[in-house]
Amino acid sequence: MRISFFSIMLIAVSCTSPKPQTITQNVVNSANADSIIASIEVAIPPTIDSLNLSNFAQLIASLNTIPFEQRQVTLKSIKDEAVTLFKQTWPDEFNTNPIRSRYTVFLTDIHVAADKRLGQNAAAQQAEAIVKMKKSWNIFTAQISEKEPSAIFETTPR
């Protein structure tokens, strides 16, 4: 009798569904997050006829002025544009493994920034992901730009 009673109770308890828990995103002082995002300037790439990188860089730079509530939509637009650029035919001088690999790193960072599930301090987490994305964009831009070699490389004896 006891076994059947406990079995019925166990079935009744396991069949009840728990209350759905809603995760609330706390936007704790988004002005701090906005200043973190604005602290990294977006590098403007050289003009490449077949790739529209300057408009893309302006779209990334616009993240500084967009409020937190609307920033996720812009991040998804940037991600879609980045994927479109990745699939385009690149000029031979930029279609090298180091440059394409650097763009792939940027593409990964934009995917993380656009699709990241934000937790308790949503604005700060989003700001960190955007800063990482901007830094990888700047590294990619520096690689495709014709820059002087760094002074570190000039210290070796000739």
C-alpha atoms as a PDB file:
ATOM      1  CA  MET A   1       0.000   0.000   0.000  1.00  0.00           C
ATOM      2  CA  ARG A   2       2.797   2.385   0.873  1.00  0.00           C
ATOM      3  CA  ILE A   3       4.656   1.614  -2.336  1.00  0.00           C
ATOM      4  CA  SER A   4       1.612   2.352  -4.485  1.00  0.00           C
ATOM      5  CA  PHE A   5       0.969   5.603  -2.548  1.00  0.00           C
ATOM      6  CA  PHE A   6       4.576   6.768  -3.030  1.00  0.00           C
ATOM      7  CA  SER A   7       4.466   5.747  -6.686  1.00  0.00           C
ATOM      8  CA  ILE A   8       1.332   7.803  -7.290  1.00  0.00           C
ATOM      9  CA  MET A   9       2.850  10.783  -5.445  1.00  0.00           C
ATOM     10  CA  LEU A  10       6.086  10.483  -7.419  1.00  0.00           C
ATOM     11  CA  ILE A  11       4.172  10.419 -10.710  1.00  0.00           C
ATOM     12  CA  ALA A  12       2.019  13.376  -9.655  1.00  0.00           C
ATOM     13  CA  VAL A  13       5.043  15.453  -8.654  1.00  0.00           C
ATOM     14  CA  SER A  14       7.021  14.620 -11.787  1.00  0.00           C
ATOM     15  CA  CYS A  15       4.111  15.389 -14.110  1.00  0.00           C
ATOM     16  CA  THR A  16       3.499  18.892 -12.809  1.00  0.00           C
ATOM     17  CA  SER A  17       5.252  21.571 -14.800  1.00  0.00           C
ATOM     18  CA  PRO A  18       7.268  24.206 -12.979  1.00  0.00           C
ATOM     19  CA  LYS A  19       6.399  27.855 -13.296  1.00  0.00           C
ATOM     20  CA  PRO A  20       8.249  29.442 -16.213  1.00  0.00           C
ATOM     21  CA  GLN A  21      11.051  31.641 -15.005  1.00  0.00           C
ATOM     22  CA  THR A  22      11.618  34.845 -16.848  1.00  0.00           C
ATOM     23  CA  ILE A  23      15.104  36.226 -16.974  1.00  0.00           C
ATOM     24  CA  THR A  24      15.087  39.950 -16.731  1.00  0.00           C
ATOM     25  CA  GLN A  25      17.887  41.898 -18.272  1.00  0.00           C
ATOM     26  CA  ASN A  26      19.113  44.624 -16.016  1.00  0.00           C
ATOM     27  CA  VAL A  27      20.388  47.619 -17.854  1.00  0.00           C
ATOM     28  CA  VAL A  28      22.642  49.056 -15.202  1.00  0.00           C
ATOM     29  CA  ASN A  29      23.725  52.530 -16.257  1.00  0.00           C
ATOM     30  CA  SER A  30      23.981  52.060 -20.004  1.00  0.00           C
ATOM     31  CA  ALA A  31      25.919  55.337 -20.196  1.00  0.00           C
ATOM     32  CA  ASN A  32      28.982  53.472 -18.892  1.00  0.00           C
ATOM     33  CA  ALA A  33      28.550  50.837 -21.589  1.00  0.00           C
ATOM     34  CA  ASP A  34      28.099  53.544 -24.217  1.00  0.00           C
ATOM     35  CA  SER A  35      31.362  55.185 -23.168  1.00  0.00           C
ATOM     36  CA  ILE A  36      33.150  51.825 -23.338  1.00  0.00           C
ATOM     37  CA  ILE A  37      31.881  51.308 -26.889  1.00  0.00           C
ATOM     38  CA  ALA A  38      32.869  54.843 -27.902  1.00  0.00           C
ATOM     39  CA  SER A  39      36.387  54.394 -26.486  1.00  0.00           C
ATOM     40  CA  ILE A  40      37.440  52.300 -29.502  1.00  0.00           C
ATOM     41  CA  GLU A  41      37.525  54.186 -32.789  1.00  0.00           C
ATOM     42  CA  VAL A  42      36.726  52.267 -35.966  1.00  0.00           C
ATOM     43  CA  ALA A  43      39.524  52.307 -38.544  1.00  0.00           C
ATOM     44  CA  ILE A  44      38.505  53.315 -42.055  1.00  0.00           C
ATOM     45  CA  PRO A  45      39.796  50.784 -44.588  1.00  0.00           C
ATOM     46  CA  PRO A  46      41.345  51.670 -47.936  1.00  0.00           C
ATOM     47  CA  THR A  47      39.007  52.008 -50.886  1.00  0.00           C
ATOM     48  CA  ILE A  48      38.521  48.720 -52.694  1.00  0.00           C
ATOM     49  CA  ASP A  49      36.294  48.958 -55.734  1.00  0.00           C
ATOM     50  CA  SER A  50      34.735  45.502 -55.556  1.00  0.00           C
ATOM     51  CA  LEU A  51      34.186  45.572 -51.770  1.00  0.00           C
ATOM     52  CA  ASN A  52      32.150  48.253 -50.045  1.00  0.00           C
ATOM     53  CA  LEU A  53      34.210  48.368 -46.856  1.00  0.00           C
ATOM     54  CA  SER A  54      33.957  52.094 -46.094  1.00  0.00           C
ATOM     55  CA  ASN A  55      30.158  52.031 -45.762  1.00  0.00           C
ATOM     56  CA  PHE A  56      30.510  48.901 -43.673  1.00  0.00           C
ATOM     57  CA  ALA A  57      32.994  50.686 -41.380  1.00  0.00           C
ATOM     58  CA  GLN A  58      30.571  53.588 -41.010  1.00  0.00           C
ATOM     59  CA  LEU A  59      27.847  51.150 -39.978  1.00  0.00           C
ATOM     60  CA  ILE A  60      30.165  49.737 -37.302  1.00  0.00           C
ATOM     61  CA  ALA A  61      31.066  53.257 -36.154  1.00  0.00           C
ATOM     62  CA  SER A  62      27.357  54.109 -35.810  1.00  0.00           C
ATOM     63  CA  LEU A  63      27.149  51.730 -32.833  1.00  0.00           C
ATOM     64  CA  ASN A  64      28.533  54.604 -30.729  1.00  0.00           C
ATOM     65  CA  THR A  65      25.373  56.660 -31.192  1.00  0.00           C
ATOM     66  CA  ILE A  66      22.670  53.970 -31.122  1.00  0.00           C
ATOM     67  CA  PRO A  67      20.923  53.437 -27.770  1.00  0.00           C
ATOM     68  CA  PHE A  68      21.184  50.056 -26.061  1.00  0.00           C
ATOM     69  CA  GLU A  69      17.572  49.108 -26.796  1.00  0.00           C
ATOM     70  CA  GLN A  70      18.099  49.384 -30.576  1.00  0.00           C
ATOM     71  CA  ARG A  71      21.709  48.226 -30.802  1.00  0.00           C
ATOM     72  CA  GLN A  72      20.879  44.528 -31.212  1.00  0.00           C
ATOM     73  CA  VAL A  73      19.051  45.213 -34.487  1.00  0.00           C
ATOM     74  CA  THR A  74      22.068  47.105 -35.840  1.00  0.00           C
ATOM     75  CA  LEU A  75      24.386  44.283 -34.773  1.00  0.00           C
ATOM     76  CA  LYS A  76      22.287  41.796 -36.730  1.00  0.00           C
ATOM     77  CA  SER A  77      22.451  44.086 -39.785  1.00  0.00           C
ATOM     78  CA  ILE A  78      26.234  44.317 -39.444  1.00  0.00           C
ATOM     79  CA  LYS A  79      26.441  40.523 -39.148  1.00  0.00           C
ATOM     80  CA  ASP A  80      24.350  40.037 -42.291  1.00  0.00           C
ATOM     81  CA  GLU A  81      26.468  42.545 -44.204  1.00  0.00           C
ATOM     82  CA  ALA A  82      29.679  40.887 -42.984  1.00  0.00           C
ATOM     83  CA  VAL A  83      28.509  37.497 -44.215  1.00  0.00           C
ATOM     84  CA  THR A  84      27.577  39.042 -47.574  1.00  0.00           C
ATOM     85  CA  LEU A  85      31.039  40.608 -47.880  1.00  0.00           C
ATOM     86  CA  PHE A  86      32.655  37.297 -46.965  1.00  0.00           C
ATOM     87  CA  LYS A  87      30.818  35.508 -49.778  1.00  0.00           C
ATOM     88  CA  GLN A  88      31.755  38.103 -52.414  1.00  0.00           C
ATOM     89  CA  THR A  89      34.691  37.662 -54.762  1.00  0.00           C
ATOM     90  CA  TRP A  90      37.674  39.495 -53.299  1.00  0.00           C
ATOM     91  CA  PRO A  91      40.448  41.030 -55.414  1.00  0.00           C
ATOM     92  CA  ASP A  92      43.532  38.826 -55.747  1.00  0.00           C
ATOM     93  CA  GLU A  93      45.714  41.118 -53.635  1.00  0.00           C
ATOM     94  CA  PHE A  94      43.299  40.768 -50.691  1.00  0.00           C
ATOM     95  CA  ASN A  95      42.328  37.154 -51.259  1.00  0.00           C
ATOM     96  CA  THR A  96      45.318  35.818 -49.337  1.00  0.00           C
ATOM     97  CA  ASN A  97      45.194  33.468 -46.410  1.00  0.00           C
ATOM     98  CA  PRO A  98      46.333  35.967 -43.726  1.00  0.00           C
ATOM     99  CA  ILE A  99      43.821  38.615 -44.788  1.00  0.00           C
ATOM    100  CA  ARG A 100      40.912  36.200 -45.196  1.00  0.00           C
ATOM    101  CA  SER A 101      41.786  34.571 -41.864  1.00  0.00           C
ATOM    102  CA  ARG A 102      41.798  37.971 -40.167  1.00  0.00           C
ATOM    103  CA  TYR A 103      38.370  38.718 -41.674  1.00  0.00           C
ATOM    104  CA  THR A 104      37.131  35.343 -40.426  1.00  0.00           C
ATOM    105  CA  VAL A 105      38.196  36.310 -36.892  1.00  0.00           C
ATOM    106  CA  PHE A 106      36.232  39.540 -37.269  1.00  0.00           C
ATOM    107  CA  LEU A 107      33.266  37.572 -38.610  1.00  0.00           C
ATOM    108  CA  THR A 108      33.379  35.305 -35.552  1.00  0.00           C
ATOM    109  CA  ASP A 109      33.468  38.304 -33.227  1.00  0.00           C
ATOM    110  CA  ILE A 110      30.483  39.924 -34.934  1.00  0.00           C
ATOM    111  CA  HIS A 111      28.541  36.649 -34.659  1.00  0.00           C
ATOM    112  CA  VAL A 112      29.269  36.595 -30.925  1.00  0.00           C
ATOM    113  CA  ALA A 113      28.273  40.252 -30.509  1.00  0.00           C
ATOM    114  CA  ALA A 114      25.054  39.875 -32.500  1.00  0.00           C
ATOM    115  CA  ASP A 115      23.894  36.537 -31.110  1.00  0.00           C
ATOM    116  CA  LYS A 116      25.158  36.652 -27.526  1.00  0.00           C
ATOM    117  CA  ARG A 117      22.612  35.867 -24.865  1.00  0.00           C
ATOM    118  CA  LEU A 118      22.883  38.688 -22.424  1.00  0.00           C
ATOM    119  CA  GLY A 119      22.655  38.025 -18.719  1.00  0.00           C
ATOM    120  CA  GLN A 120      22.157  40.241 -15.710  1.00  0.00           C
ATOM    121  CA  ASN A 121      24.196  43.259 -16.807  1.00  0.00           C
ATOM    122  CA  ALA A 122      23.190  43.229 -20.451  1.00  0.00           C
ATOM    123  CA  ALA A 123      24.608  46.608 -21.460  1.00  0.00           C
ATOM    124  CA  ALA A 124      28.090  45.850 -20.122  1.00  0.00           C
ATOM    125  CA  GLN A 125      28.189  42.389 -21.709  1.00  0.00           C
ATOM    126  CA  GLN A 126      27.083  43.793 -25.043  1.00  0.00           C
ATOM    127  CA  ALA A 127      29.676  46.572 -24.781  1.00  0.00           C
ATOM    128  CA  GLU A 128      32.465  44.031 -24.173  1.00  0.00           C
ATOM    129  CA  ALA A 129      31.436  42.022 -27.238  1.00  0.00           C
ATOM    130  CA  ILE A 130      31.260  45.163 -29.403  1.00  0.00           C
ATOM    131  CA  VAL A 131      34.687  46.338 -28.230  1.00  0.00           C
ATOM    132  CA  LYS A 132      36.174  42.955 -29.120  1.00  0.00           C
ATOM    133  CA  MET A 133      34.489  43.127 -32.537  1.00  0.00           C
ATOM    134  CA  LYS A 134      35.813  46.659 -33.161  1.00  0.00           C
ATOM    135  CA  LYS A 135      39.347  45.636 -32.198  1.00  0.00           C
ATOM    136  CA  SER A 136      39.313  42.704 -34.609  1.00  0.00           C
ATOM    137  CA  TRP A 137      37.965  45.025 -37.341  1.00  0.00           C
ATOM    138  CA  ASN A 138      40.821  47.450 -36.709  1.00  0.00           C
ATOM    139  CA  ILE A 139      43.373  44.630 -36.932  1.00  0.00           C
ATOM    140  CA  PHE A 140      41.818  43.474 -40.214  1.00  0.00           C
ATOM    141  CA  THR A 141      41.876  47.038 -41.561  1.00  0.00           C
ATOM    142  CA  ALA A 142      45.505  47.494 -40.562  1.00  0.00           C
ATOM    143  CA  GLN A 143      46.394  44.300 -42.389  1.00  0.00           C
ATOM    144  CA  ILE A 144      44.810  45.364 -45.674  1.00  0.00           C
ATOM    145  CA  SER A 145      46.164  48.912 -45.412  1.00  0.00           C
ATOM    146  CA  GLU A 146      49.636  49.686 -46.597  1.00  0.00           C
ATOM    147  CA  LYS A 147      51.216  50.612 -43.287  1.00  0.00           C
ATOM    148  CA  GLU A 148      54.833  51.209 -42.396  1.00  0.00           C
ATOM    149  CA  PRO A 149      56.428  48.321 -40.520  1.00  0.00           C
ATOM    150  CA  SER A 150      56.428  48.667 -36.777  1.00  0.00           C
ATOM    151  CA  ALA A 151      59.463  50.036 -34.950  1.00  0.00           C
ATOM    152  CA  ILE A 152      59.765  46.712 -33.159  1.00  0.00           C
ATOM    153  CA  PHE A 153      60.785  45.013 -36.382  1.00  0.00           C
ATOM    154  CA  GLU A 154      63.347  47.716 -37.115  1.00  0.00           C
ATOM    155  CA  THR A 155      65.455  46.921 -34.025  1.00  0.00           C
ATOM    156  CA  THR A 156      67.154  43.902 -35.593  1.00  0.00           C
ATOM    157  CA  PRO A 157      70.706  44.449 -36.864  1.00  0.00           C
ATOM    158  CA  ARG A 158      71.129  44.728 -40.621  1.00  0.00           C
END
